[in-house]
């Protein structure tokens, strides 16, 4: 619910906003969170740091691809 509210406040205002991309990104994040919570994925400081680095790299690649398509 918070993601939908945040999209409404910040992301759905412009004519060039890709709402479907925001919604599918939110859905994939929710699925990844659910998988992480239910599966036997390693936990601890090293796993947390590794996950953070992977998240930042994926975010940087997504922004690079989005900006190159403009």
C-alpha atoms as a PDB file:
ATOM      1  CA  UNK A   1       0.000   0.000   0.000  1.00  0.00           C
ATOM      2  CA  UNK A   2       2.837   2.371   0.808  1.00  0.00           C
ATOM      3  CA  UNK A   3       4.341   1.808  -2.652  1.00  0.00           C
ATOM      4  CA  UNK A   4       1.076   2.742  -4.352  1.00  0.00           C
ATOM      5  CA  UNK A   5       0.772   5.885  -2.222  1.00  0.00           C
ATOM      6  CA  UNK A   6       4.373   6.839  -2.956  1.00  0.00           C
ATOM      7  CA  UNK A   7       3.774   6.340  -6.684  1.00  0.00           C
ATOM      8  CA  UNK A   8       0.748   8.581  -6.439  1.00  0.00           C
ATOM      9  CA  UNK A   9       2.717  11.317  -4.680  1.00  0.00           C
ATOM     10  CA  UNK A  10       5.839  11.266  -6.811  1.00  0.00           C
ATOM     11  CA  UNK A  11       5.605   9.134  -9.912  1.00  0.00           C
ATOM     12  CA  UNK A  12       2.237   9.398 -11.579  1.00  0.00           C
ATOM     13  CA  UNK A  13       2.162  13.117 -12.311  1.00  0.00           C
ATOM     14  CA  UNK A  14       3.989  13.499 -15.586  1.00  0.00           C
ATOM     15  CA  UNK A  15       2.968  12.437 -19.055  1.00  0.00           C
ATOM     16  CA  UNK A  16       6.317  10.650 -19.542  1.00  0.00           C
ATOM     17  CA  UNK A  17       5.981   8.536 -16.393  1.00  0.00           C
ATOM     18  CA  UNK A  18       5.953   4.812 -17.087  1.00  0.00           C
ATOM     19  CA  UNK A  19       3.380   3.665 -14.544  1.00  0.00           C
ATOM     20  CA  UNK A  20       3.505   0.058 -15.742  1.00  0.00           C
ATOM     21  CA  UNK A  21       7.262  -0.027 -15.090  1.00  0.00           C
ATOM     22  CA  UNK A  22       6.701   1.282 -11.570  1.00  0.00           C
ATOM     23  CA  UNK A  23       4.002  -1.297 -10.875  1.00  0.00           C
ATOM     24  CA  UNK A  24       5.996  -4.227 -12.246  1.00  0.00           C
ATOM     25  CA  UNK A  25       9.052  -3.085 -10.314  1.00  0.00           C
ATOM     26  CA  UNK A  26       6.992  -2.965  -7.141  1.00  0.00           C
ATOM     27  CA  UNK A  27       5.557  -6.429  -7.856  1.00  0.00           C
ATOM     28  CA  UNK A  28       9.004  -7.910  -8.477  1.00  0.00           C
ATOM     29  CA  UNK A  29      10.306  -6.335  -5.269  1.00  0.00           C
ATOM     30  CA  UNK A  30       7.399  -7.807  -3.341  1.00  0.00           C
ATOM     31  CA  UNK A  31       8.008 -11.244  -4.874  1.00  0.00           C
ATOM     32  CA  UNK A  32      11.729 -11.066  -4.116  1.00  0.00           C
ATOM     33  CA  UNK A  33      10.955 -10.077  -0.520  1.00  0.00           C
ATOM     34  CA  UNK A  34       8.493 -12.928  -0.162  1.00  0.00           C
ATOM     35  CA  UNK A  35      11.006 -15.399  -1.611  1.00  0.00           C
ATOM     36  CA  UNK A  36      13.711 -14.146   0.729  1.00  0.00           C
ATOM     37  CA  UNK A  37      11.404 -14.457   3.727  1.00  0.00           C
ATOM     38  CA  UNK A  38      10.261 -18.005   2.944  1.00  0.00           C
ATOM     39  CA  UNK A  39      13.275 -19.679   1.339  1.00  0.00           C
ATOM     40  CA  UNK A  40      16.454 -20.753   3.083  1.00  0.00           C
ATOM     41  CA  UNK A  41      18.591 -17.881   1.902  1.00  0.00           C
ATOM     42  CA  UNK A  42      21.807 -17.243   3.840  1.00  0.00           C
ATOM     43  CA  UNK A  43      21.493 -14.503   6.414  1.00  0.00           C
ATOM     44  CA  UNK A  44      24.057 -12.482   8.277  1.00  0.00           C
ATOM     45  CA  UNK A  45      26.308  -9.490   7.744  1.00  0.00           C
ATOM     46  CA  UNK A  46      28.102 -10.817   4.675  1.00  0.00           C
ATOM     47  CA  UNK A  47      24.866 -11.862   2.957  1.00  0.00           C
ATOM     48  CA  UNK A  48      23.298  -8.504   3.821  1.00  0.00           C
ATOM     49  CA  UNK A  49      26.253  -6.585   2.388  1.00  0.00           C
ATOM     50  CA  UNK A  50      26.271  -8.736  -0.750  1.00  0.00           C
ATOM     51  CA  UNK A  51      22.533  -8.170  -1.240  1.00  0.00           C
ATOM     52  CA  UNK A  52      22.982  -4.427  -0.815  1.00  0.00           C
ATOM     53  CA  UNK A  53      25.728  -4.302  -3.431  1.00  0.00           C
ATOM     54  CA  UNK A  54      23.653  -6.353  -5.869  1.00  0.00           C
ATOM     55  CA  UNK A  55      20.662  -4.037  -5.310  1.00  0.00           C
ATOM     56  CA  UNK A  56      22.757  -0.933  -5.978  1.00  0.00           C
ATOM     57  CA  UNK A  57      24.267  -2.433  -9.134  1.00  0.00           C
ATOM     58  CA  UNK A  58      20.845  -3.439 -10.469  1.00  0.00           C
ATOM     59  CA  UNK A  59      19.503   0.040  -9.703  1.00  0.00           C
ATOM     60  CA  UNK A  60      22.442   1.723 -11.451  1.00  0.00           C
ATOM     61  CA  UNK A  61      22.040  -0.508 -14.510  1.00  0.00           C
ATOM     62  CA  UNK A  62      18.293   0.180 -14.659  1.00  0.00           C
ATOM     63  CA  UNK A  63      18.863   3.950 -14.527  1.00  0.00           C
ATOM     64  CA  UNK A  64      21.632   3.747 -17.132  1.00  0.00           C
ATOM     65  CA  UNK A  65      19.360   1.827 -19.482  1.00  0.00           C
ATOM     66  CA  UNK A  66      16.419   4.163 -18.856  1.00  0.00           C
ATOM     67  CA  UNK A  67      18.481   7.278 -19.501  1.00  0.00           C
ATOM     68  CA  UNK A  68      20.065   5.843 -22.639  1.00  0.00           C
ATOM     69  CA  UNK A  69      16.584   5.196 -24.104  1.00  0.00           C
ATOM     70  CA  UNK A  70      15.572   8.863 -23.795  1.00  0.00           C
END
